[in-house]
Amino acid sequence: SAQSAPEGAAVLQALIARAAGRIEILAGGGVRADNAALLLSAGLRALHASCRAPLPPRATHVGATHVGAALQKEGTPDRRDTGAAEVRALRDRMNAFSGEPA
């Protein structure tokens, strides 16, 4: 089974054909601007993406010393949040695919 929408594009395409317009199939999981065309080519018209971008490392004040990422424990996941540039890139790719102006 696929671990992400791009990996499951063929299955999504089959589901879209089987749905025959009765329902809309929404892809999510691993959706990014660089793979949007693959998913749209499979027949998807709706994509769900977090469009995550890295946040600056957490900073802590220890006395008069400013300590940043060095205090984060090894294995701590990157801090991420929705990024405007990532949203814009995905929107632009979707618009380009549909022929709508950017």
N, C-alpha and C. Protein backbone atom coordinates (compact mmCIF):
# COMPACT_ATOMS: atom_id res chain seq x y z
N SER A 1 0.84 -1.19 0.00
CA SER A 1 0.00 0.00 0.00
C SER A 1 0.88 1.24 0.00
N ALA A 2 0.40 2.29 -0.59
CA ALA A 2 1.17 3.53 -0.75
C ALA A 2 1.30 4.27 0.57
N GLN A 3 2.44 4.91 0.75
CA GLN A 3 2.70 5.70 1.95
C GLN A 3 2.36 7.18 1.75
N SER A 4 2.11 7.57 0.50
CA SER A 4 1.79 8.97 0.21
C SER A 4 0.90 9.03 -1.02
N ALA A 5 0.25 10.15 -1.20
CA ALA A 5 -0.62 10.32 -2.37
C ALA A 5 0.15 10.13 -3.68
N PRO A 6 1.34 10.72 -3.84
CA PRO A 6 2.06 10.49 -5.10
C PRO A 6 2.37 9.01 -5.35
N GLU A 7 2.72 8.29 -4.31
CA GLU A 7 3.00 6.86 -4.46
C GLU A 7 1.75 6.08 -4.85
N GLY A 8 0.59 6.58 -4.47
CA GLY A 8 -0.67 5.90 -4.76
C GLY A 8 -1.44 6.52 -5.91
N ALA A 9 -0.76 7.27 -6.78
CA ALA A 9 -1.44 7.97 -7.87
C ALA A 9 -2.25 7.03 -8.75
N ALA A 10 -1.73 5.85 -9.04
CA ALA A 10 -2.45 4.90 -9.90
C ALA A 10 -3.73 4.41 -9.22
N VAL A 11 -3.66 4.17 -7.91
CA VAL A 11 -4.85 3.73 -7.17
C VAL A 11 -5.86 4.87 -7.12
N LEU A 12 -5.39 6.07 -6.89
CA LEU A 12 -6.30 7.23 -6.88
C LEU A 12 -6.98 7.39 -8.23
N GLN A 13 -6.23 7.19 -9.30
CA GLN A 13 -6.80 7.29 -10.65
C GLN A 13 -7.91 6.25 -10.83
N ALA A 14 -7.69 5.04 -10.35
CA ALA A 14 -8.71 3.99 -10.45
C ALA A 14 -9.94 4.34 -9.62
N LEU A 15 -9.74 4.90 -8.44
CA LEU A 15 -10.87 5.31 -7.59
C LEU A 15 -11.69 6.41 -8.25
N ILE A 16 -11.00 7.34 -8.89
CA ILE A 16 -11.70 8.44 -9.59
C ILE A 16 -12.56 7.87 -10.72
N ALA A 17 -12.01 6.93 -11.46
CA ALA A 17 -12.77 6.31 -12.55
C ALA A 17 -13.98 5.56 -12.00
N ARG A 18 -13.77 4.84 -10.91
CA ARG A 18 -14.87 4.07 -10.31
C ARG A 18 -15.95 4.98 -9.74
N ALA A 19 -15.55 6.12 -9.18
CA ALA A 19 -16.52 7.06 -8.60
C ALA A 19 -17.39 7.69 -9.68
N ALA A 20 -16.85 7.81 -10.89
CA ALA A 20 -17.60 8.33 -12.04
C ALA A 20 -18.33 9.63 -11.73
N GLY A 21 -17.68 10.52 -11.00
CA GLY A 21 -18.26 11.83 -10.73
C GLY A 21 -19.27 11.87 -9.60
N ARG A 22 -19.57 10.73 -8.99
CA ARG A 22 -20.55 10.71 -7.89
C ARG A 22 -19.99 11.33 -6.62
N ILE A 23 -18.68 11.18 -6.42
CA ILE A 23 -18.01 11.79 -5.27
C ILE A 23 -16.69 12.38 -5.75
N GLU A 24 -16.15 13.28 -4.97
CA GLU A 24 -14.84 13.85 -5.30
C GLU A 24 -13.79 13.15 -4.44
N ILE A 25 -12.74 12.72 -5.07
CA ILE A 25 -11.62 12.09 -4.37
C ILE A 25 -10.62 13.19 -4.04
N LEU A 26 -10.21 13.26 -2.79
CA LEU A 26 -9.27 14.26 -2.30
C LEU A 26 -7.99 13.56 -1.90
N ALA A 27 -6.88 13.99 -2.46
CA ALA A 27 -5.58 13.38 -2.14
C ALA A 27 -4.90 14.17 -1.04
N GLY A 28 -4.29 13.47 -0.12
CA GLY A 28 -3.52 14.11 0.94
C GLY A 28 -2.40 13.18 1.38
N GLY A 29 -1.36 13.75 1.90
CA GLY A 29 -0.22 12.96 2.36
C GLY A 29 0.91 13.04 1.36
N GLY A 30 1.90 13.85 1.63
CA GLY A 30 3.05 13.98 0.75
C GLY A 30 2.79 14.87 -0.47
N VAL A 31 1.71 15.63 -0.43
CA VAL A 31 1.38 16.50 -1.56
C VAL A 31 2.21 17.78 -1.48
N ARG A 32 2.93 18.06 -2.56
CA ARG A 32 3.77 19.26 -2.64
C ARG A 32 3.67 19.82 -4.05
N ALA A 33 4.15 21.02 -4.22
CA ALA A 33 4.12 21.66 -5.54
C ALA A 33 4.85 20.81 -6.57
N ASP A 34 5.94 20.16 -6.17
CA ASP A 34 6.73 19.41 -7.15
C ASP A 34 6.09 18.10 -7.59
N ASN A 35 5.01 17.66 -6.93
CA ASN A 35 4.33 16.45 -7.40
C ASN A 35 2.85 16.69 -7.71
N ALA A 36 2.43 17.95 -7.70
CA ALA A 36 1.03 18.27 -7.97
C ALA A 36 0.62 17.84 -9.37
N ALA A 37 1.46 18.04 -10.37
CA ALA A 37 1.11 17.68 -11.75
C ALA A 37 0.84 16.18 -11.88
N LEU A 38 1.62 15.36 -11.19
CA LEU A 38 1.40 13.91 -11.22
C LEU A 38 0.00 13.58 -10.71
N LEU A 39 -0.38 14.20 -9.61
CA LEU A 39 -1.69 13.91 -9.01
C LEU A 39 -2.83 14.46 -9.86
N LEU A 40 -2.64 15.65 -10.39
CA LEU A 40 -3.67 16.24 -11.24
C LEU A 40 -3.81 15.45 -12.54
N SER A 41 -2.71 14.92 -13.05
CA SER A 41 -2.75 14.08 -14.25
C SER A 41 -3.51 12.79 -14.01
N ALA A 42 -3.55 12.36 -12.76
CA ALA A 42 -4.30 11.15 -12.40
C ALA A 42 -5.80 11.41 -12.36
N GLY A 43 -6.19 12.67 -12.49
CA GLY A 43 -7.61 13.02 -12.49
C GLY A 43 -8.09 13.73 -11.25
N LEU A 44 -7.21 13.91 -10.29
CA LEU A 44 -7.60 14.62 -9.07
C LEU A 44 -7.85 16.09 -9.37
N ARG A 45 -8.80 16.68 -8.70
CA ARG A 45 -9.08 18.10 -8.83
C ARG A 45 -9.00 18.80 -7.49
N ALA A 46 -8.78 18.02 -6.43
CA ALA A 46 -8.66 18.58 -5.09
C ALA A 46 -7.44 17.95 -4.42
N LEU A 47 -6.60 18.78 -3.84
CA LEU A 47 -5.41 18.31 -3.12
C LEU A 47 -5.42 18.88 -1.72
N HIS A 48 -5.00 18.08 -0.76
CA HIS A 48 -4.86 18.54 0.62
C HIS A 48 -3.37 18.53 0.96
N ALA A 49 -2.85 19.67 1.34
CA ALA A 49 -1.42 19.76 1.65
C ALA A 49 -1.21 20.69 2.84
N SER A 50 -0.24 20.36 3.65
CA SER A 50 0.09 21.24 4.78
C SER A 50 0.98 22.39 4.34
N CYS A 51 1.69 22.22 3.23
CA CYS A 51 2.61 23.26 2.73
C CYS A 51 3.55 23.74 3.83
N ARG A 52 4.10 22.79 4.55
CA ARG A 52 4.95 23.12 5.70
C ARG A 52 6.29 23.70 5.27
N ALA A 53 6.73 24.64 6.07
CA ALA A 53 8.05 25.26 5.90
C ALA A 53 8.72 25.29 7.27
N PRO A 54 10.04 25.20 7.30
CA PRO A 54 10.74 25.21 8.58
C PRO A 54 10.57 26.53 9.32
N LEU A 55 10.45 26.44 10.62
CA LEU A 55 10.45 27.61 11.49
C LEU A 55 11.86 27.77 12.06
N PRO A 56 12.20 28.97 12.48
CA PRO A 56 13.51 29.13 13.13
C PRO A 56 13.58 28.28 14.39
N PRO A 57 14.78 27.87 14.77
CA PRO A 57 14.91 27.07 15.99
C PRO A 57 14.41 27.84 17.20
N ARG A 58 13.92 27.09 18.17
CA ARG A 58 13.49 27.72 19.42
C ARG A 58 14.71 28.32 20.11
N ALA A 59 14.52 29.48 20.64
CA ALA A 59 15.62 30.13 21.34
C ALA A 59 15.26 30.25 22.82
N THR A 60 16.24 30.10 23.64
CA THR A 60 16.05 30.20 25.08
C THR A 60 17.08 31.16 25.64
N HIS A 61 16.69 31.94 26.60
CA HIS A 61 17.63 32.83 27.27
C HIS A 61 18.11 32.16 28.54
N VAL A 62 19.41 31.97 28.64
CA VAL A 62 20.02 31.39 29.84
C VAL A 62 20.94 32.47 30.39
N GLY A 63 20.48 33.11 31.45
CA GLY A 63 21.22 34.25 31.97
C GLY A 63 21.30 35.31 30.89
N ALA A 64 22.49 35.78 30.57
CA ALA A 64 22.66 36.79 29.54
C ALA A 64 23.00 36.15 28.20
N THR A 65 23.03 34.81 28.16
CA THR A 65 23.42 34.10 26.94
C THR A 65 22.19 33.65 26.18
N HIS A 66 22.18 33.89 24.89
CA HIS A 66 21.10 33.46 24.01
C HIS A 66 21.49 32.12 23.41
N VAL A 67 20.71 31.09 23.69
CA VAL A 67 21.01 29.74 23.22
C VAL A 67 19.90 29.29 22.30
N GLY A 68 20.24 28.83 21.11
CA GLY A 68 19.24 28.41 20.13
C GLY A 68 19.18 26.91 19.96
N ALA A 69 19.34 26.46 18.74
CA ALA A 69 19.14 25.06 18.39
C ALA A 69 20.05 24.11 19.15
N ALA A 70 21.15 24.60 19.67
CA ALA A 70 22.07 23.71 20.38
C ALA A 70 21.41 23.04 21.57
N LEU A 71 20.38 23.66 22.14
CA LEU A 71 19.70 23.06 23.29
C LEU A 71 18.65 22.03 22.90
N GLN A 72 18.28 21.97 21.62
CA GLN A 72 17.29 20.99 21.22
C GLN A 72 17.91 19.60 21.29
N LYS A 73 17.16 18.68 21.85
CA LYS A 73 17.65 17.31 21.98
C LYS A 73 17.74 16.65 20.61
N GLU A 74 18.70 15.75 20.48
CA GLU A 74 18.84 15.01 19.24
C GLU A 74 17.56 14.22 18.99
N GLY A 75 17.10 14.20 17.75
CA GLY A 75 15.88 13.48 17.42
C GLY A 75 14.62 14.33 17.55
N THR A 76 14.75 15.56 18.04
CA THR A 76 13.60 16.45 18.13
C THR A 76 13.17 16.80 16.71
N PRO A 77 11.88 16.61 16.40
CA PRO A 77 11.46 16.91 15.03
C PRO A 77 11.61 18.38 14.69
N ASP A 78 11.86 18.63 13.40
CA ASP A 78 11.93 20.02 12.94
C ASP A 78 10.62 20.71 13.26
N ARG A 79 10.73 21.97 13.60
CA ARG A 79 9.53 22.78 13.81
C ARG A 79 9.11 23.31 12.45
N ARG A 80 7.84 23.11 12.12
CA ARG A 80 7.34 23.54 10.82
C ARG A 80 5.95 24.13 10.98
N ASP A 81 5.60 24.99 10.04
CA ASP A 81 4.27 25.58 9.99
C ASP A 81 3.96 25.88 8.53
N THR A 82 2.72 26.18 8.23
CA THR A 82 2.34 26.50 6.86
C THR A 82 3.15 27.68 6.36
N GLY A 83 3.73 27.53 5.18
CA GLY A 83 4.57 28.58 4.59
C GLY A 83 3.89 29.21 3.39
N ALA A 84 3.88 30.53 3.36
CA ALA A 84 3.22 31.26 2.27
C ALA A 84 3.83 30.90 0.92
N ALA A 85 5.14 30.76 0.85
CA ALA A 85 5.78 30.43 -0.42
C ALA A 85 5.37 29.04 -0.90
N GLU A 86 5.23 28.10 0.01
CA GLU A 86 4.83 26.75 -0.34
C GLU A 86 3.38 26.73 -0.84
N VAL A 87 2.50 27.48 -0.18
CA VAL A 87 1.10 27.58 -0.62
C VAL A 87 1.04 28.20 -2.01
N ARG A 88 1.78 29.27 -2.21
CA ARG A 88 1.80 29.96 -3.50
C ARG A 88 2.31 29.03 -4.60
N ALA A 89 3.36 28.28 -4.33
CA ALA A 89 3.93 27.37 -5.33
C ALA A 89 2.93 26.28 -5.71
N LEU A 90 2.23 25.72 -4.72
CA LEU A 90 1.24 24.69 -5.01
C LEU A 90 0.07 25.28 -5.80
N ARG A 91 -0.40 26.44 -5.39
CA ARG A 91 -1.50 27.10 -6.11
C ARG A 91 -1.09 27.38 -7.55
N ASP A 92 0.12 27.87 -7.75
CA ASP A 92 0.59 28.18 -9.09
C ASP A 92 0.67 26.93 -9.96
N ARG A 93 1.13 25.83 -9.40
CA ARG A 93 1.20 24.57 -10.17
C ARG A 93 -0.19 24.08 -10.53
N MET A 94 -1.13 24.19 -9.58
CA MET A 94 -2.50 23.76 -9.86
C MET A 94 -3.13 24.65 -10.93
N ASN A 95 -2.92 25.96 -10.83
CA ASN A 95 -3.46 26.89 -11.83
C ASN A 95 -2.85 26.63 -13.20
N ALA A 96 -1.55 26.39 -13.25
CA ALA A 96 -0.89 26.12 -14.51
C ALA A 96 -1.46 24.85 -15.17
N PHE A 97 -1.75 23.86 -14.35
CA PHE A 97 -2.29 22.61 -14.87
C PHE A 97 -3.70 22.82 -15.43
N SER A 98 -4.48 23.65 -14.75
CA SER A 98 -5.87 23.87 -15.19
C SER A 98 -6.00 24.95 -16.23
N GLY A 99 -4.90 25.67 -16.50
CA GLY A 99 -4.93 26.74 -17.49
C GLY A 99 -5.39 28.06 -16.94
N GLU A 100 -5.59 28.14 -15.61
CA GLU A 100 -5.98 29.41 -14.99
C GLU A 100 -4.76 30.30 -14.82
N PRO A 101 -4.94 31.61 -14.87
CA PRO A 101 -3.79 32.51 -14.66
C PRO A 101 -3.26 32.40 -13.24
N ALA A 102 -1.97 32.61 -13.10
CA ALA A 102 -1.33 32.53 -11.77
C ALA A 102 -1.73 33.68 -10.89
